[in-house]
Amino acid sequence: MTTLPTATTSSYVGRFAPSPTGPLHAGSLVAALASWLDARAHQGRWLVRIEDIDPPRCMPGAARLILQQLDACGLVPDDAPVWQSARGALYERALQRLLERQLAYPCACTRRDIELAWEQMGLARERHIERPYPGTCRCGLQGRPARAWRFATEKAARRQQPFAGLGAPQWDPADGRLLWHDRRLGAQSQDLAQSVGDFVLRRADGLWAYQLAVVVDDGDQQVSHVVRGEDLTDNTPRQMLLQQALGLPTPAYLHTPLVRRADGEKLSKQHGARSIDVSTPAASRAALDAAAAALDLPVADCTHKNRADALALWVAAWRANYNHAL
């Protein structure tokens, strides 16, 4: 019987961080399998973090169901899962540190205020294109009460401190773009000030924003490698800049291909993606085979009858493809 690679004393730490807005679907299983394979290929540790900082969007019982689905597929974390909802004190300390460094500021804008500012700037709404915050509150609230807190992106970018970590990016001094490397997609770049602007750290409803929480958690858990879906690629530069501002190392990043619907849209929970079937070992194996195919991994044929054999085959293939791309 095949023995699967297990975690060792390697400095590698990877993670899978699902939002419990519903059970795992085919697309999220691809990301889970890829992150698990990367950890096992490096003989590192693999963690699961439940990103439940947005309670209105979370489905009761979804987190436990996700963990059960992962277990049924043989994707078992090396430590007990953590829940972001229990980590608010860490996010508060991070925000205070940014305020002390004058890299965060309060914002009084409503959505309508921002829409009006965009209209005055001539920034038309484009599908799937993010418009940068117009900077309305960057120089003060003008007597209005604070609603949210934002990261001072331009100020942080101008400081251009050295980056640290496996995935440390570089600045292009010619045009102020952040240059970084994705282990699958290759060279990437983004002008954060023009593309993103001053993004939210704490929302007007008091909830913590994803960007701050994910950076703080990756730093606290000493995550060295992030493997996640390609739809999060454009989030990476702002997280890198936030890591620098908080004195945290930058992990190495790899963004996996997306599973798409027949119309080309990303398969997602909000678009009715169905839960993966793990009701029987055969169903779980079929879900794993489909996820492996989406990652262009070898077909697990009749010589890989059990799940352990198939996973070992894919670990070896992943190691051959990605262990050198750091």
C-alpha atoms as a PDB file:
ATOM      1  CA  MET A   1       0.000   0.000   0.000  1.00  0.00           C
ATOM      2  CA  THR A   2       1.268   3.469  -0.885  1.00  0.00           C
ATOM      3  CA  THR A   3       2.466   5.637   1.992  1.00  0.00           C
ATOM      4  CA  LEU A   4       1.627   9.288   1.470  1.00  0.00           C
ATOM      5  CA  PRO A   5       4.216  12.009   2.157  1.00  0.00           C
ATOM      6  CA  THR A   6       3.598  13.608   5.526  1.00  0.00           C
ATOM      7  CA  ALA A   7       4.639  16.832   7.203  1.00  0.00           C
ATOM      8  CA  THR A   8       8.233  17.016   8.427  1.00  0.00           C
ATOM      9  CA  THR A   9      10.475  19.660   9.957  1.00  0.00           C
ATOM     10  CA  SER A  10      10.474  21.563   6.646  1.00  0.00           C
ATOM     11  CA  SER A  11      10.072  25.333   7.007  1.00  0.00           C
ATOM     12  CA  TYR A  12       7.246  25.153   4.468  1.00  0.00           C
ATOM     13  CA  VAL A  13       3.806  26.137   5.798  1.00  0.00           C
ATOM     14  CA  GLY A  14       0.830  26.201   3.431  1.00  0.00           C
ATOM     15  CA  ARG A  15      -2.852  26.751   4.016  1.00  0.00           C
ATOM     16  CA  PHE A  16      -6.330  26.412   2.574  1.00  0.00           C
ATOM     17  CA  ALA A  17      -8.655  29.187   3.720  1.00  0.00           C
ATOM     18  CA  PRO A  18     -12.282  28.656   2.649  1.00  0.00           C
ATOM     19  CA  SER A  19     -15.138  31.006   3.455  1.00  0.00           C
ATOM     20  CA  PRO A  20     -18.066  29.076   4.983  1.00  0.00           C
ATOM     21  CA  THR A  21     -20.676  30.627   2.706  1.00  0.00           C
ATOM     22  CA  GLY A  22     -21.565  27.123   1.569  1.00  0.00           C
ATOM     23  CA  PRO A  23     -20.033  23.663   1.143  1.00  0.00           C
ATOM     24  CA  LEU A  24     -17.038  22.909  -1.068  1.00  0.00           C
ATOM     25  CA  HIS A  25     -17.812  22.871  -4.785  1.00  0.00           C
ATOM     26  CA  ALA A  26     -15.672  21.667  -7.689  1.00  0.00           C
ATOM     27  CA  GLY A  27     -13.753  24.940  -7.936  1.00  0.00           C
ATOM     28  CA  SER A  28     -12.893  25.179  -4.259  1.00  0.00           C
ATOM     29  CA  LEU A  29     -11.791  21.538  -4.205  1.00  0.00           C
ATOM     30  CA  VAL A  30      -9.274  22.354  -6.960  1.00  0.00           C
ATOM     31  CA  ALA A  31      -7.730  25.043  -4.738  1.00  0.00           C
ATOM     32  CA  ALA A  32      -7.772  22.742  -1.704  1.00  0.00           C
ATOM     33  CA  LEU A  33      -6.127  19.872  -3.566  1.00  0.00           C
ATOM     34  CA  ALA A  34      -3.473  22.146  -5.108  1.00  0.00           C
ATOM     35  CA  SER A  35      -2.510  23.666  -1.758  1.00  0.00           C
ATOM     36  CA  TRP A  36      -2.383  20.224  -0.105  1.00  0.00           C
ATOM     37  CA  LEU A  37      -0.252  18.803  -2.936  1.00  0.00           C
ATOM     38  CA  ASP A  38       2.158  21.721  -2.744  1.00  0.00           C
ATOM     39  CA  ALA A  39       2.617  21.219   0.986  1.00  0.00           C
ATOM     40  CA  ARG A  40       3.153  17.474   0.623  1.00  0.00           C
ATOM     41  CA  ALA A  41       5.521  17.943  -2.332  1.00  0.00           C
ATOM     42  CA  HIS A  42       7.651  20.174  -0.080  1.00  0.00           C
ATOM     43  CA  GLN A  43       7.210  17.854   2.936  1.00  0.00           C
ATOM     44  CA  GLY A  44       5.741  20.826   4.731  1.00  0.00           C
ATOM     45  CA  ARG A  45       2.778  21.533   6.976  1.00  0.00           C
ATOM     46  CA  TRP A  46      -0.719  22.155   5.620  1.00  0.00           C
ATOM     47  CA  LEU A  47      -3.208  24.232   7.596  1.00  0.00           C
ATOM     48  CA  VAL A  48      -6.912  24.978   7.224  1.00  0.00           C
ATOM     49  CA  ARG A  49      -8.251  28.369   8.244  1.00  0.00           C
ATOM     50  CA  ILE A  50     -11.979  29.121   8.208  1.00  0.00           C
ATOM     51  CA  GLU A  51     -12.452  32.678   6.941  1.00  0.00           C
ATOM     52  CA  ASP A  52     -15.709  33.497   8.706  1.00  0.00           C
ATOM     53  CA  ILE A  53     -15.230  37.222   9.340  1.00  0.00           C
ATOM     54  CA  ASP A  54     -18.373  38.121   7.370  1.00  0.00           C
ATOM     55  CA  PRO A  55     -21.187  36.509   9.429  1.00  0.00           C
ATOM     56  CA  PRO A  56     -24.079  37.747   7.228  1.00  0.00           C
ATOM     57  CA  ARG A  57     -22.650  35.718   4.322  1.00  0.00           C
ATOM     58  CA  CYS A  58     -21.785  32.590   6.321  1.00  0.00           C
ATOM     59  CA  MET A  59     -24.056  29.561   6.177  1.00  0.00           C
ATOM     60  CA  PRO A  60     -24.774  27.816   9.480  1.00  0.00           C
ATOM     61  CA  GLY A  61     -22.918  24.507   9.619  1.00  0.00           C
ATOM     62  CA  ALA A  62     -20.923  25.165   6.430  1.00  0.00           C
ATOM     63  CA  ALA A  63     -17.548  25.246   8.164  1.00  0.00           C
ATOM     64  CA  ARG A  64     -18.036  21.811   9.708  1.00  0.00           C
ATOM     65  CA  LEU A  65     -19.335  20.457   6.410  1.00  0.00           C
ATOM     66  CA  ILE A  66     -16.248  21.775   4.581  1.00  0.00           C
ATOM     67  CA  LEU A  67     -13.968  20.043   7.071  1.00  0.00           C
ATOM     68  CA  GLN A  68     -15.919  16.805   6.623  1.00  0.00           C
ATOM     69  CA  GLN A  69     -15.635  17.083   2.834  1.00  0.00           C
ATOM     70  CA  LEU A  70     -11.878  17.655   3.039  1.00  0.00           C
ATOM     71  CA  ASP A  71     -11.515  14.669   5.354  1.00  0.00           C
ATOM     72  CA  ALA A  72     -13.528  12.471   2.973  1.00  0.00           C
ATOM     73  CA  CYS A  73     -11.078  13.420   0.203  1.00  0.00           C
ATOM     74  CA  GLY A  74      -8.029  12.630   2.346  1.00  0.00           C
ATOM     75  CA  LEU A  75      -7.051  16.303   2.709  1.00  0.00           C
ATOM     76  CA  VAL A  76      -6.486  16.483   6.452  1.00  0.00           C
ATOM     77  CA  PRO A  77      -4.739  19.494   8.038  1.00  0.00           C
ATOM     78  CA  ASP A  78      -1.656  18.965  10.174  1.00  0.00           C
ATOM     79  CA  ASP A  79      -2.964  21.223  12.964  1.00  0.00           C
ATOM     80  CA  ALA A  80      -6.428  21.991  14.283  1.00  0.00           C
ATOM     81  CA  PRO A  81      -8.279  24.462  12.044  1.00  0.00           C
ATOM     82  CA  VAL A  82      -8.567  28.063  13.196  1.00  0.00           C
ATOM     83  CA  TRP A  83     -11.516  30.427  12.794  1.00  0.00           C
ATOM     84  CA  GLN A  84     -10.996  34.064  11.829  1.00  0.00           C
ATOM     85  CA  SER A  85     -13.999  35.083  13.923  1.00  0.00           C
ATOM     86  CA  ALA A  86     -11.923  34.305  17.036  1.00  0.00           C
ATOM     87  CA  ARG A  87      -8.938  36.429  15.951  1.00  0.00           C
ATOM     88  CA  GLY A  88     -10.281  39.975  16.155  1.00  0.00           C
ATOM     89  CA  ALA A  89      -7.686  41.045  18.742  1.00  0.00           C
ATOM     90  CA  LEU A  90      -4.896  40.300  16.245  1.00  0.00           C
ATOM     91  CA  TYR A  91      -6.557  42.445  13.587  1.00  0.00           C
ATOM     92  CA  GLU A  92      -7.101  45.290  16.056  1.00  0.00           C
ATOM     93  CA  ARG A  93      -3.400  45.310  16.985  1.00  0.00           C
ATOM     94  CA  ALA A  94      -2.436  45.353  13.313  1.00  0.00           C
ATOM     95  CA  LEU A  95      -4.733  48.305  12.619  1.00  0.00           C
ATOM     96  CA  GLN A  96      -3.281  50.204  15.587  1.00  0.00           C
ATOM     97  CA  ARG A  97       0.238  49.571  14.284  1.00  0.00           C
ATOM     98  CA  LEU A  98      -0.700  50.991  10.900  1.00  0.00           C
ATOM     99  CA  LEU A  99      -2.294  54.025  12.544  1.00  0.00           C
ATOM    100  CA  GLU A 100       0.874  54.623  14.561  1.00  0.00           C
ATOM    101  CA  ARG A 101       2.863  54.564  11.323  1.00  0.00           C
ATOM    102  CA  GLN A 102       0.307  56.864   9.663  1.00  0.00           C
ATOM    103  CA  LEU A 103      -0.444  54.169   7.101  1.00  0.00           C
ATOM    104  CA  ALA A 104      -4.158  53.948   7.925  1.00  0.00           C
ATOM    105  CA  TYR A 105      -6.842  56.601   8.276  1.00  0.00           C
ATOM    106  CA  PRO A 106     -10.583  56.909   9.014  1.00  0.00           C
ATOM    107  CA  CYS A 107     -13.067  57.271   6.158  1.00  0.00           C
ATOM    108  CA  ALA A 108     -16.512  58.887   6.363  1.00  0.00           C
ATOM    109  CA  CYS A 109     -17.636  58.026   2.813  1.00  0.00           C
ATOM    110  CA  THR A 110     -20.822  56.172   2.025  1.00  0.00           C
ATOM    111  CA  ARG A 111     -21.067  54.132  -1.169  1.00  0.00           C
ATOM    112  CA  ARG A 112     -23.060  56.946  -2.712  1.00  0.00           C
ATOM    113  CA  ASP A 113     -20.333  59.462  -1.807  1.00  0.00           C
ATOM    114  CA  ILE A 114     -17.766  57.311  -3.591  1.00  0.00           C
ATOM    115  CA  GLU A 115     -20.014  56.810  -6.630  1.00  0.00           C
ATOM    116  CA  LEU A 116     -20.480  60.595  -6.944  1.00  0.00           C
ATOM    117  CA  ALA A 117     -16.721  61.163  -6.657  1.00  0.00           C
ATOM    118  CA  TRP A 118     -16.100  58.591  -9.392  1.00  0.00           C
ATOM    119  CA  GLU A 119     -18.663  60.270 -11.624  1.00  0.00           C
ATOM    120  CA  GLN A 120     -16.942  63.635 -11.125  1.00  0.00           C
ATOM    121  CA  MET A 121     -13.611  62.017 -12.036  1.00  0.00           C
ATOM    122  CA  GLY A 122     -15.112  60.502 -15.178  1.00  0.00           C
ATOM    123  CA  LEU A 123     -14.524  56.912 -14.022  1.00  0.00           C
ATOM    124  CA  ALA A 124     -17.244  54.840 -15.659  1.00  0.00           C
ATOM    125  CA  ARG A 125     -18.304  51.513 -14.190  1.00  0.00           C
ATOM    126  CA  GLU A 126     -16.837  48.536 -16.052  1.00  0.00           C
ATOM    127  CA  ARG A 127     -17.736  44.928 -15.424  1.00  0.00           C
ATOM    128  CA  HIS A 128     -15.132  43.076 -13.329  1.00  0.00           C
ATOM    129  CA  ILE A 129     -12.942  46.225 -13.231  1.00  0.00           C
ATOM    130  CA  GLU A 130     -12.232  47.665  -9.791  1.00  0.00           C
ATOM    131  CA  ARG A 131     -12.158  51.450  -9.517  1.00  0.00           C
ATOM    132  CA  PRO A 132      -9.697  52.962  -7.000  1.00  0.00           C
ATOM    133  CA  TYR A 133     -10.927  54.842  -3.948  1.00  0.00           C
ATOM    134  CA  PRO A 134     -11.016  58.541  -4.960  1.00  0.00           C
ATOM    135  CA  GLY A 135      -9.125  59.684  -1.845  1.00  0.00           C
ATOM    136  CA  THR A 136     -11.939  61.840  -0.458  1.00  0.00           C
ATOM    137  CA  CYS A 137     -10.989  61.364   3.219  1.00  0.00           C
ATOM    138  CA  ARG A 138      -7.238  61.060   2.756  1.00  0.00           C
ATOM    139  CA  CYS A 139      -6.629  64.543   4.188  1.00  0.00           C
ATOM    140  CA  GLY A 140      -9.279  64.453   6.906  1.00  0.00           C
ATOM    141  CA  LEU A 141     -12.965  63.879   7.612  1.00  0.00           C
ATOM    142  CA  GLN A 142     -14.033  67.547   7.397  1.00  0.00           C
ATOM    143  CA  GLY A 143     -16.118  67.199  10.538  1.00  0.00           C
ATOM    144  CA  ARG A 144     -17.897  64.018   9.440  1.00  0.00           C
ATOM    145  CA  PRO A 145     -17.946  60.879  11.641  1.00  0.00           C
ATOM    146  CA  ALA A 146     -15.658  57.986  10.733  1.00  0.00           C
ATOM    147  CA  ARG A 147     -17.367  54.958   9.212  1.00  0.00           C
ATOM    148  CA  ALA A 148     -14.502  52.752   8.000  1.00  0.00           C
ATOM    149  CA  TRP A 149     -10.713  52.580   8.094  1.00  0.00           C
ATOM    150  CA  ARG A 150      -8.514  52.541   4.998  1.00  0.00           C
ATOM    151  CA  PHE A 151      -4.917  51.672   4.159  1.00  0.00           C
ATOM    152  CA  ALA A 152      -2.837  54.608   2.890  1.00  0.00           C
ATOM    153  CA  THR A 153      -1.699  52.821  -0.249  1.00  0.00           C
ATOM    154  CA  GLU A 154       0.103  55.708  -1.951  1.00  0.00           C
ATOM    155  CA  LYS A 155       1.962  56.710   1.200  1.00  0.00           C
ATOM    156  CA  ALA A 156       3.067  53.129   1.824  1.00  0.00           C
ATOM    157  CA  ALA A 157       4.160  52.778  -1.807  1.00  0.00           C
ATOM    158  CA  ARG A 158       6.240  55.963  -1.669  1.00  0.00           C
ATOM    159  CA  ARG A 159       8.236  54.639   1.272  1.00  0.00           C
ATOM    160  CA  GLN A 160       9.498  51.717  -0.821  1.00  0.00           C
ATOM    161  CA  GLN A 161      11.050  49.800   2.044  1.00  0.00           C
ATOM    162  CA  PRO A 162      12.839  46.526   1.272  1.00  0.00           C
ATOM    163  CA  PHE A 163      10.544  43.518   1.036  1.00  0.00           C
ATOM    164  CA  ALA A 164      11.383  40.255   2.812  1.00  0.00           C
ATOM    165  CA  GLY A 165      10.263  36.672   2.299  1.00  0.00           C
ATOM    166  CA  LEU A 166      10.294  33.965  -0.361  1.00  0.00           C
ATOM    167  CA  GLY A 167       7.960  35.867  -2.649  1.00  0.00           C
ATOM    168  CA  ALA A 168       9.431  39.324  -2.078  1.00  0.00           C
ATOM    169  CA  PRO A 169       8.431  41.669  -4.928  1.00  0.00           C
ATOM    170  CA  GLN A 170      10.298  44.668  -6.298  1.00  0.00           C
ATOM    171  CA  TRP A 171       9.340  48.206  -7.230  1.00  0.00           C
ATOM    172  CA  ASP A 172       9.764  49.519 -10.748  1.00  0.00           C
ATOM    173  CA  PRO A 173      10.988  53.085 -10.057  1.00  0.00           C
ATOM    174  CA  ALA A 174      10.101  54.176 -13.596  1.00  0.00           C
ATOM    175  CA  ASP A 175       6.336  53.947 -13.126  1.00  0.00           C
ATOM    176  CA  GLY A 176       5.764  52.897  -9.514  1.00  0.00           C
ATOM    177  CA  ARG A 177       4.510  49.408 -10.323  1.00  0.00           C
ATOM    178  CA  LEU A 178       4.931  46.465  -7.996  1.00  0.00           C
ATOM    179  CA  LEU A 179       6.664  43.584  -9.779  1.00  0.00           C
ATOM    180  CA  TRP A 180       6.203  40.073  -8.437  1.00  0.00           C
ATOM    181  CA  HIS A 181       6.426  36.460  -9.520  1.00  0.00           C
ATOM    182  CA  ASP A 182       3.667  33.875  -9.520  1.00  0.00           C
ATOM    183  CA  ARG A 183       4.930  30.290  -9.529  1.00  0.00           C
ATOM    184  CA  ARG A 184       2.427  29.291 -12.211  1.00  0.00           C
ATOM    185  CA  LEU A 185       1.587  32.519 -14.053  1.00  0.00           C
ATOM    186  CA  GLY A 186       5.096  33.987 -14.097  1.00  0.00           C
ATOM    187  CA  ALA A 187       5.898  37.722 -14.034  1.00  0.00           C
ATOM    188  CA  GLN A 188       3.111  39.982 -12.720  1.00  0.00           C
ATOM    189  CA  SER A 189       2.837  43.700 -12.042  1.00  0.00           C
ATOM    190  CA  GLN A 190       0.351  46.242 -10.743  1.00  0.00           C
ATOM    191  CA  ASP A 191       0.178  49.982 -10.087  1.00  0.00           C
ATOM    192  CA  LEU A 192      -1.608  49.839  -6.754  1.00  0.00           C
ATOM    193  CA  ALA A 193      -2.313  53.559  -6.485  1.00  0.00           C
ATOM    194  CA  GLN A 194      -4.013  53.657  -9.880  1.00  0.00           C
ATOM    195  CA  SER A 195      -5.626  50.211  -9.844  1.00  0.00           C
ATOM    196  CA  VAL A 196      -6.649  49.841  -6.210  1.00  0.00           C
ATOM    197  CA  GLY A 197      -6.234  53.031  -4.246  1.00  0.00           C
ATOM    198  CA  ASP A 198      -6.706  53.167  -0.470  1.00  0.00           C
ATOM    199  CA  PHE A 199      -8.501  49.914   0.301  1.00  0.00           C
ATOM    200  CA  VAL A 200     -10.639  49.169   3.354  1.00  0.00           C
ATOM    201  CA  LEU A 201      -9.160  47.553   6.471  1.00  0.00           C
ATOM    202  CA  ARG A 202     -12.234  47.739   8.687  1.00  0.00           C
ATOM    203  CA  ARG A 203     -15.679  48.121   7.193  1.00  0.00           C
ATOM    204  CA  ALA A 204     -18.384  50.623   8.073  1.00  0.00           C
ATOM    205  CA  ASP A 205     -20.377  47.819   9.722  1.00  0.00           C
ATOM    206  CA  GLY A 206     -17.457  47.146  12.075  1.00  0.00           C
ATOM    207  CA  LEU A 207     -16.386  43.896  10.403  1.00  0.00           C
ATOM    208  CA  TRP A 208     -12.768  43.304   9.470  1.00  0.00           C
ATOM    209  CA  ALA A 209     -11.906  43.400   5.791  1.00  0.00           C
ATOM    210  CA  TYR A 210     -10.506  40.345   4.036  1.00  0.00           C
ATOM    211  CA  GLN A 211      -7.257  42.061   3.022  1.00  0.00           C
ATOM    212  CA  LEU A 212      -6.175  42.840   6.595  1.00  0.00           C
ATOM    213  CA  ALA A 213      -7.359  39.550   8.079  1.00  0.00           C
ATOM    214  CA  VAL A 214      -5.636  37.332   5.509  1.00  0.00           C
ATOM    215  CA  VAL A 215      -2.327  39.188   5.831  1.00  0.00           C
ATOM    216  CA  VAL A 216      -2.370  39.119   9.627  1.00  0.00           C
ATOM    217  CA  ASP A 217      -3.322  35.436   9.733  1.00  0.00           C
ATOM    218  CA  ASP A 218      -0.710  34.361   7.186  1.00  0.00           C
ATOM    219  CA  GLY A 219       1.916  36.227   9.196  1.00  0.00           C
ATOM    220  CA  ASP A 220       0.751  34.861  12.544  1.00  0.00           C
ATOM    221  CA  GLN A 221       0.646  31.285  11.211  1.00  0.00           C
ATOM    222  CA  GLN A 222       4.039  31.709   9.505  1.00  0.00           C
ATOM    223  CA  VAL A 223       2.621  30.766   6.113  1.00  0.00           C
ATOM    224  CA  SER A 224       5.497  30.523   3.642  1.00  0.00           C
ATOM    225  CA  HIS A 225       3.549  29.487   0.522  1.00  0.00           C
ATOM    226  CA  VAL A 226       0.082  30.509  -0.629  1.00  0.00           C
ATOM    227  CA  VAL A 227      -1.677  28.380  -3.254  1.00  0.00           C
ATOM    228  CA  ARG A 228      -5.142  29.655  -4.172  1.00  0.00           C
ATOM    229  CA  GLY A 229      -7.471  30.375  -7.085  1.00  0.00           C
ATOM    230  CA  GLU A 230      -6.505  32.601  -9.981  1.00  0.00           C
ATOM    231  CA  ASP A 231      -9.392  34.966  -9.222  1.00  0.00           C
ATOM    232  CA  LEU A 232      -7.375  36.255  -6.245  1.00  0.00           C
ATOM    233  CA  THR A 233      -4.307  37.162  -8.300  1.00  0.00           C
ATOM    234  CA  ASP A 234      -5.048  40.895  -8.366  1.00  0.00           C
ATOM    235  CA  ASN A 235      -5.420  40.896  -4.549  1.00  0.00           C
ATOM    236  CA  THR A 236      -1.822  39.777  -4.133  1.00  0.00           C
ATOM    237  CA  PRO A 237       0.018  43.110  -4.644  1.00  0.00           C
ATOM    238  CA  ARG A 238      -2.096  44.947  -2.054  1.00  0.00           C
ATOM    239  CA  GLN A 239      -1.470  42.113   0.405  1.00  0.00           C
ATOM    240  CA  MET A 240       2.262  42.310  -0.321  1.00  0.00           C
ATOM    241  CA  LEU A 241       2.282  46.046   0.406  1.00  0.00           C
ATOM    242  CA  LEU A 242       0.299  45.482   3.594  1.00  0.00           C
ATOM    243  CA  GLN A 243       2.753  42.748   4.641  1.00  0.00           C
ATOM    244  CA  GLN A 244       5.600  45.197   4.193  1.00  0.00           C
ATOM    245  CA  ALA A 245       3.800  47.876   6.186  1.00  0.00           C
ATOM    246  CA  LEU A 246       3.281  45.435   9.088  1.00  0.00           C
ATOM    247  CA  GLY A 247       6.840  44.089   8.945  1.00  0.00           C
ATOM    248  CA  LEU A 248       5.721  40.636   7.798  1.00  0.00           C
ATOM    249  CA  PRO A 249       7.500  38.423   5.240  1.00  0.00           C
ATOM    250  CA  THR A 250       5.904  37.831   1.852  1.00  0.00           C
ATOM    251  CA  PRO A 251       5.001  34.195   1.054  1.00  0.00           C
ATOM    252  CA  ALA A 252       5.609  32.622  -2.348  1.00  0.00           C
ATOM    253  CA  TYR A 253       2.363  32.664  -4.358  1.00  0.00           C
ATOM    254  CA  LEU A 254       0.858  30.239  -6.862  1.00  0.00           C
ATOM    255  CA  HIS A 255      -2.569  30.869  -8.359  1.00  0.00           C
ATOM    256  CA  THR A 256      -4.416  27.862  -9.743  1.00  0.00           C
ATOM    257  CA  PRO A 257      -6.667  27.725 -12.825  1.00  0.00           C
ATOM    258  CA  LEU A 258     -10.363  28.363 -12.267  1.00  0.00           C
ATOM    259  CA  VAL A 259     -13.176  25.925 -12.870  1.00  0.00           C
ATOM    260  CA  ARG A 260     -15.671  27.676 -15.131  1.00  0.00           C
ATOM    261  CA  ARG A 261     -19.299  27.242 -16.045  1.00  0.00           C
ATOM    262  CA  ALA A 262     -20.428  26.574 -19.608  1.00  0.00           C
ATOM    263  CA  ASP A 263     -20.863  30.342 -20.157  1.00  0.00           C
ATOM    264  CA  GLY A 264     -17.255  31.018 -19.148  1.00  0.00           C
ATOM    265  CA  GLU A 265     -18.060  32.542 -15.760  1.00  0.00           C
ATOM    266  CA  LYS A 266     -16.177  31.328 -12.698  1.00  0.00           C
ATOM    267  CA  LEU A 267     -17.912  28.487 -10.870  1.00  0.00           C
ATOM    268  CA  SER A 268     -18.942  29.955  -7.534  1.00  0.00           C
ATOM    269  CA  LYS A 269     -21.378  29.586  -4.685  1.00  0.00           C
ATOM    270  CA  GLN A 270     -23.226  32.781  -5.574  1.00  0.00           C
ATOM    271  CA  HIS A 271     -23.851  31.348  -9.032  1.00  0.00           C
ATOM    272  CA  GLY A 272     -25.323  28.143  -7.679  1.00  0.00           C
ATOM    273  CA  ALA A 273     -22.294  25.834  -7.766  1.00  0.00           C
ATOM    274  CA  ARG A 274     -23.291  22.434  -6.410  1.00  0.00           C
ATOM    275  CA  SER A 275     -21.612  20.849  -3.422  1.00  0.00           C
ATOM    276  CA  ILE A 276     -19.127  18.095  -4.201  1.00  0.00           C
ATOM    277  CA  ASP A 277     -20.506  14.635  -3.480  1.00  0.00           C
ATOM    278  CA  VAL A 278     -18.560  12.782  -0.779  1.00  0.00           C
ATOM    279  CA  SER A 279     -21.393  10.468   0.245  1.00  0.00           C
ATOM    280  CA  THR A 280     -19.366   7.375  -0.701  1.00  0.00           C
ATOM    281  CA  PRO A 281     -15.663   6.633  -1.220  1.00  0.00           C
ATOM    282  CA  ALA A 282     -16.336   6.299  -4.949  1.00  0.00           C
ATOM    283  CA  ALA A 283     -18.007   9.719  -5.080  1.00  0.00           C
ATOM    284  CA  SER A 284     -15.134  11.324  -3.160  1.00  0.00           C
ATOM    285  CA  ARG A 285     -12.632   9.727  -5.516  1.00  0.00           C
ATOM    286  CA  ALA A 286     -14.566  11.007  -8.541  1.00  0.00           C
ATOM    287  CA  ALA A 287     -14.476  14.536  -7.122  1.00  0.00           C
ATOM    288  CA  LEU A 288     -10.718  14.242  -6.562  1.00  0.00           C
ATOM    289  CA  ASP A 289     -10.155  12.899 -10.080  1.00  0.00           C
ATOM    290  CA  ALA A 290     -12.033  15.886 -11.532  1.00  0.00           C
ATOM    291  CA  ALA A 291      -9.996  18.331  -9.443  1.00  0.00           C
ATOM    292  CA  ALA A 292      -6.738  16.662 -10.525  1.00  0.00           C
ATOM    293  CA  ALA A 293      -7.812  16.900 -14.170  1.00  0.00           C
ATOM    294  CA  ALA A 294      -8.459  20.629 -13.750  1.00  0.00           C
ATOM    295  CA  LEU A 295      -4.861  20.944 -12.528  1.00  0.00           C
ATOM    296  CA  ASP A 296      -3.522  19.010 -15.557  1.00  0.00           C
ATOM    297  CA  LEU A 297      -2.284  16.183 -13.335  1.00  0.00           C
ATOM    298  CA  PRO A 298      -1.859  12.620 -14.647  1.00  0.00           C
ATOM    299  CA  VAL A 299      -4.875  10.356 -14.850  1.00  0.00           C
ATOM    300  CA  ALA A 300      -4.951   7.961 -11.926  1.00  0.00           C
ATOM    301  CA  ASP A 301      -5.541   4.716 -13.822  1.00  0.00           C
ATOM    302  CA  CYS A 302      -6.122   1.139 -12.695  1.00  0.00           C
ATOM    303  CA  THR A 303      -2.688   0.990 -11.039  1.00  0.00           C
ATOM    304  CA  HIS A 304      -3.834   3.697  -8.614  1.00  0.00           C
ATOM    305  CA  LYS A 305      -6.956   2.017  -7.341  1.00  0.00           C
ATOM    306  CA  ASN A 306      -7.110   3.483  -3.875  1.00  0.00           C
ATOM    307  CA  ARG A 307      -7.103   7.144  -2.856  1.00  0.00           C
ATOM    308  CA  ALA A 308      -3.640   7.010  -1.301  1.00  0.00           C
ATOM    309  CA  ASP A 309      -2.121   5.719  -4.556  1.00  0.00           C
ATOM    310  CA  ALA A 310      -3.791   8.468  -6.566  1.00  0.00           C
ATOM    311  CA  LEU A 311      -2.712  11.215  -4.157  1.00  0.00           C
ATOM    312  CA  ALA A 312       0.861   9.909  -4.133  1.00  0.00           C
ATOM    313  CA  LEU A 313       0.885   9.978  -7.957  1.00  0.00           C
ATOM    314  CA  TRP A 314      -0.289  13.595  -7.952  1.00  0.00           C
ATOM    315  CA  VAL A 315       2.215  14.636  -5.263  1.00  0.00           C
ATOM    316  CA  ALA A 316       5.045  13.299  -7.434  1.00  0.00           C
ATOM    317  CA  ALA A 317       3.683  15.089 -10.514  1.00  0.00           C
ATOM    318  CA  TRP A 318       3.242  18.322  -8.592  1.00  0.00           C
ATOM    319  CA  ARG A 319       6.787  18.096  -7.246  1.00  0.00           C
ATOM    320  CA  ALA A 320       8.135  17.722 -10.770  1.00  0.00           C
ATOM    321  CA  ASN A 321       6.171  20.710 -12.018  1.00  0.00           C
ATOM    322  CA  TYR A 322       6.391  23.246  -9.198  1.00  0.00           C
ATOM    323  CA  ASN A 323       9.084  22.555  -6.622  1.00  0.00           C
ATOM    324  CA  HIS A 324      11.638  24.463  -8.677  1.00  0.00           C
ATOM    325  CA  ALA A 325       9.402  27.490  -9.278  1.00  0.00           C
ATOM    326  CA  LEU A 326      10.042  29.421  -6.068  1.00  0.00           C
END
